[in-house]
Structure formats: structure tokens, C-alpha cells
Amino acid sequence: MTTPQEIENWIKAGLPCDYIHVEGDGQHFEAIIVSPEFAGKMRIAQHQLVYKVLGDKMDAQIHALSMRTLSPEEWEAQRG
């Protein structure tokens, strides 16, 4: 069974992350991902970057992944 920590490690291995947190039950996961790679990109493009990093794992090991993706600037603005 896939763990949230494994997903975090897979994403961090392929995408520079200022912050990442993944929660889940082994099949359904939720992630907050903050990366400078997201700056200036629309949400769909941000999510596509994460899906590209995860590759075949999205079909084989992760049933569902809900993401909140932000650039470092967006993250700081939301944290106040």
C-alpha cells in the first residue's frame, strides 16, 4: 500500500518543493505542494507537472490525488 510519505518523496525527487504535505488512506490522497516551478503557470499546468513527475504511479499505485498547488509567492500571501 502506498503511503503519504512515499508520494511526498516521489514528488520531491522530481520537483523542487519549498513545502509539501500529503495525507491519505493508501488509495485517496490530498496534497499541498509549493514549488517555484508553479510560478506564472495556470493550475492545470501546475497539476500536469506533478502528474508528469508521478508518471505511471498515478495509474498503478495512486487511486486518487487531490492537489492544492501554489507558487512560493502565493503560499506566503495566503499565510499572511
N, C-alpha and C. Protein backbone atom coordinates (compact mmCIF):
# COMPACT_ATOMS: atom_id res chain seq x y z
N MET A 1 0.84 -1.18 0.00
CA MET A 1 0.00 0.00 0.00
C MET A 1 0.89 1.25 0.00
N THR A 2 0.52 2.21 -0.79
CA THR A 2 1.27 3.46 -0.91
C THR A 2 1.01 4.34 0.31
N THR A 3 2.07 4.98 0.80
CA THR A 3 1.94 5.87 1.95
C THR A 3 2.06 7.33 1.51
N PRO A 4 1.52 8.25 2.31
CA PRO A 4 1.71 9.67 2.00
C PRO A 4 3.19 10.06 1.90
N GLN A 5 4.03 9.48 2.75
CA GLN A 5 5.45 9.79 2.72
C GLN A 5 6.10 9.38 1.40
N GLU A 6 5.69 8.24 0.86
CA GLU A 6 6.21 7.81 -0.44
C GLU A 6 5.86 8.81 -1.53
N ILE A 7 4.62 9.28 -1.52
CA ILE A 7 4.19 10.25 -2.53
C ILE A 7 4.99 11.54 -2.38
N GLU A 8 5.16 12.00 -1.15
CA GLU A 8 5.99 13.20 -0.92
C GLU A 8 7.38 12.99 -1.49
N ASN A 9 7.98 11.84 -1.21
CA ASN A 9 9.34 11.57 -1.69
C ASN A 9 9.40 11.54 -3.21
N TRP A 10 8.42 10.90 -3.85
CA TRP A 10 8.39 10.84 -5.31
C TRP A 10 8.28 12.24 -5.92
N ILE A 11 7.41 13.07 -5.35
CA ILE A 11 7.24 14.43 -5.88
C ILE A 11 8.52 15.24 -5.66
N LYS A 12 9.09 15.17 -4.45
CA LYS A 12 10.32 15.93 -4.16
C LYS A 12 11.48 15.48 -5.03
N ALA A 13 11.50 14.23 -5.44
CA ALA A 13 12.59 13.72 -6.28
C ALA A 13 12.56 14.33 -7.68
N GLY A 14 11.39 14.77 -8.13
CA GLY A 14 11.28 15.28 -9.49
C GLY A 14 10.88 16.73 -9.61
N LEU A 15 10.61 17.38 -8.46
CA LEU A 15 10.11 18.76 -8.50
C LEU A 15 10.65 19.49 -7.27
N PRO A 16 11.31 20.64 -7.47
CA PRO A 16 11.78 21.38 -6.30
C PRO A 16 10.57 21.89 -5.50
N CYS A 17 10.55 21.61 -4.21
CA CYS A 17 9.42 21.98 -3.37
C CYS A 17 9.89 22.82 -2.19
N ASP A 18 9.25 23.97 -2.00
CA ASP A 18 9.51 24.77 -0.80
C ASP A 18 8.73 24.19 0.37
N TYR A 19 7.60 23.56 0.07
CA TYR A 19 6.76 22.93 1.10
C TYR A 19 5.95 21.84 0.42
N ILE A 20 5.77 20.73 1.11
CA ILE A 20 4.89 19.67 0.61
C ILE A 20 4.33 18.91 1.81
N HIS A 21 3.05 18.62 1.73
CA HIS A 21 2.40 17.82 2.76
C HIS A 21 1.36 16.95 2.07
N VAL A 22 1.42 15.65 2.32
CA VAL A 22 0.47 14.70 1.72
C VAL A 22 -0.19 13.91 2.85
N GLU A 23 -1.50 13.77 2.75
CA GLU A 23 -2.27 12.94 3.67
C GLU A 23 -3.07 11.96 2.84
N GLY A 24 -3.40 10.81 3.43
CA GLY A 24 -4.23 9.87 2.70
C GLY A 24 -4.37 8.54 3.40
N ASP A 25 -5.23 7.70 2.80
CA ASP A 25 -5.57 6.42 3.42
C ASP A 25 -4.99 5.23 2.68
N GLY A 26 -4.07 5.47 1.76
CA GLY A 26 -3.49 4.38 1.00
C GLY A 26 -3.99 4.30 -0.43
N GLN A 27 -5.15 4.91 -0.69
CA GLN A 27 -5.70 4.97 -2.05
C GLN A 27 -6.05 6.39 -2.46
N HIS A 28 -6.65 7.14 -1.55
CA HIS A 28 -7.06 8.52 -1.81
C HIS A 28 -6.15 9.45 -1.02
N PHE A 29 -5.58 10.43 -1.73
CA PHE A 29 -4.61 11.32 -1.11
C PHE A 29 -4.95 12.77 -1.39
N GLU A 30 -4.53 13.64 -0.46
CA GLU A 30 -4.62 15.09 -0.62
C GLU A 30 -3.25 15.67 -0.40
N ALA A 31 -2.86 16.61 -1.25
CA ALA A 31 -1.52 17.18 -1.16
C ALA A 31 -1.56 18.69 -1.26
N ILE A 32 -0.70 19.33 -0.49
CA ILE A 32 -0.39 20.75 -0.65
C ILE A 32 1.05 20.79 -1.14
N ILE A 33 1.25 21.40 -2.29
CA ILE A 33 2.59 21.43 -2.89
C ILE A 33 2.93 22.87 -3.25
N VAL A 34 4.04 23.36 -2.72
CA VAL A 34 4.52 24.71 -3.02
C VAL A 34 5.85 24.56 -3.75
N SER A 35 5.89 25.07 -4.99
CA SER A 35 7.10 24.94 -5.79
C SER A 35 7.33 26.20 -6.62
N PRO A 36 8.58 26.63 -6.75
CA PRO A 36 8.87 27.76 -7.63
C PRO A 36 8.56 27.43 -9.09
N GLU A 37 8.48 26.14 -9.43
CA GLU A 37 8.15 25.74 -10.80
C GLU A 37 6.72 26.12 -11.17
N PHE A 38 5.87 26.40 -10.18
CA PHE A 38 4.47 26.73 -10.44
C PHE A 38 4.26 28.21 -10.77
N ALA A 39 5.25 29.05 -10.51
CA ALA A 39 5.11 30.50 -10.72
C ALA A 39 4.74 30.80 -12.16
N GLY A 40 3.69 31.59 -12.31
CA GLY A 40 3.26 32.03 -13.64
C GLY A 40 2.48 31.00 -14.43
N LYS A 41 2.23 29.84 -13.87
CA LYS A 41 1.50 28.78 -14.58
C LYS A 41 0.07 28.68 -14.06
N MET A 42 -0.83 28.34 -14.97
CA MET A 42 -2.22 28.11 -14.58
C MET A 42 -2.29 26.81 -13.76
N ARG A 43 -3.35 26.66 -12.98
CA ARG A 43 -3.49 25.48 -12.11
C ARG A 43 -3.36 24.17 -12.89
N ILE A 44 -3.98 24.10 -14.04
CA ILE A 44 -3.93 22.84 -14.82
C ILE A 44 -2.49 22.51 -15.19
N ALA A 45 -1.70 23.51 -15.54
CA ALA A 45 -0.29 23.28 -15.89
C ALA A 45 0.51 22.86 -14.65
N GLN A 46 0.17 23.42 -13.50
CA GLN A 46 0.83 23.03 -12.26
C GLN A 46 0.55 21.56 -11.95
N HIS A 47 -0.71 21.18 -12.07
CA HIS A 47 -1.10 19.79 -11.80
C HIS A 47 -0.45 18.84 -12.81
N GLN A 48 -0.35 19.26 -14.05
CA GLN A 48 0.28 18.43 -15.06
C GLN A 48 1.75 18.18 -14.74
N LEU A 49 2.43 19.18 -14.16
CA LEU A 49 3.82 18.98 -13.74
C LEU A 49 3.92 17.88 -12.69
N VAL A 50 2.99 17.89 -11.73
CA VAL A 50 3.01 16.87 -10.68
C VAL A 50 2.69 15.50 -11.28
N TYR A 51 1.68 15.43 -12.14
CA TYR A 51 1.33 14.15 -12.77
C TYR A 51 2.51 13.60 -13.58
N LYS A 52 3.24 14.49 -14.25
CA LYS A 52 4.40 14.06 -15.03
C LYS A 52 5.47 13.46 -14.13
N VAL A 53 5.70 14.09 -12.98
CA VAL A 53 6.68 13.58 -12.02
C VAL A 53 6.26 12.20 -11.50
N LEU A 54 4.98 12.03 -11.23
CA LEU A 54 4.49 10.76 -10.69
C LEU A 54 4.39 9.68 -11.75
N GLY A 55 4.22 10.07 -13.00
CA GLY A 55 4.20 9.12 -14.11
C GLY A 55 3.25 7.96 -13.92
N ASP A 56 3.73 6.75 -14.14
CA ASP A 56 2.91 5.54 -14.07
C ASP A 56 2.37 5.26 -12.68
N LYS A 57 2.97 5.86 -11.67
CA LYS A 57 2.48 5.63 -10.31
C LYS A 57 1.04 6.11 -10.14
N MET A 58 0.63 7.08 -10.95
CA MET A 58 -0.74 7.58 -10.87
C MET A 58 -1.75 6.49 -11.24
N ASP A 59 -1.39 5.62 -12.13
CA ASP A 59 -2.30 4.54 -12.52
C ASP A 59 -2.13 3.31 -11.64
N ALA A 60 -0.88 3.00 -11.32
CA ALA A 60 -0.60 1.74 -10.65
C ALA A 60 -0.71 1.80 -9.13
N GLN A 61 -0.30 2.91 -8.51
CA GLN A 61 -0.20 2.94 -7.06
C GLN A 61 -1.05 4.00 -6.37
N ILE A 62 -1.51 4.99 -7.10
CA ILE A 62 -2.30 6.07 -6.50
C ILE A 62 -3.66 6.09 -7.18
N HIS A 63 -4.69 5.81 -6.41
CA HIS A 63 -6.04 5.77 -6.98
C HIS A 63 -6.55 7.19 -7.26
N ALA A 64 -6.36 8.10 -6.30
CA ALA A 64 -6.83 9.47 -6.47
C ALA A 64 -5.92 10.42 -5.70
N LEU A 65 -5.61 11.56 -6.32
CA LEU A 65 -4.77 12.58 -5.70
C LEU A 65 -5.40 13.94 -5.92
N SER A 66 -5.84 14.55 -4.84
CA SER A 66 -6.36 15.91 -4.87
C SER A 66 -5.21 16.83 -4.49
N MET A 67 -4.99 17.88 -5.30
CA MET A 67 -3.84 18.75 -5.07
C MET A 67 -4.24 20.20 -4.90
N ARG A 68 -3.52 20.85 -4.01
CA ARG A 68 -3.55 22.31 -3.90
C ARG A 68 -2.13 22.75 -4.22
N THR A 69 -1.94 23.36 -5.38
CA THR A 69 -0.61 23.75 -5.83
C THR A 69 -0.47 25.26 -5.77
N LEU A 70 0.67 25.72 -5.27
CA LEU A 70 0.91 27.15 -5.14
C LEU A 70 2.37 27.48 -5.42
N SER A 71 2.60 28.67 -5.93
CA SER A 71 3.96 29.18 -6.04
C SER A 71 4.36 29.67 -4.65
N PRO A 72 5.65 29.86 -4.40
CA PRO A 72 6.06 30.38 -3.08
C PRO A 72 5.41 31.72 -2.75
N GLU A 73 5.22 32.57 -3.75
CA GLU A 73 4.59 33.87 -3.52
C GLU A 73 3.12 33.72 -3.11
N GLU A 74 2.40 32.81 -3.78
CA GLU A 74 1.00 32.56 -3.42
C GLU A 74 0.92 31.98 -2.01
N TRP A 75 1.83 31.08 -1.68
CA TRP A 75 1.88 30.45 -0.35
C TRP A 75 2.07 31.51 0.73
N GLU A 76 3.03 32.40 0.53
CA GLU A 76 3.29 33.46 1.51
C GLU A 76 2.10 34.40 1.65
N ALA A 77 1.46 34.74 0.53
CA ALA A 77 0.30 35.62 0.57
C ALA A 77 -0.85 34.99 1.36
N GLN A 78 -1.04 33.71 1.22
CA GLN A 78 -2.13 33.03 1.93
C GLN A 78 -1.82 32.86 3.41
N ARG A 79 -0.57 32.77 3.74
CA ARG A 79 -0.19 32.58 5.15
C ARG A 79 -0.21 33.90 5.91
N GLY A 80 -0.32 35.01 5.15
CA GLY A 80 -0.47 36.32 5.77
C GLY A 80 0.78 36.92 6.22
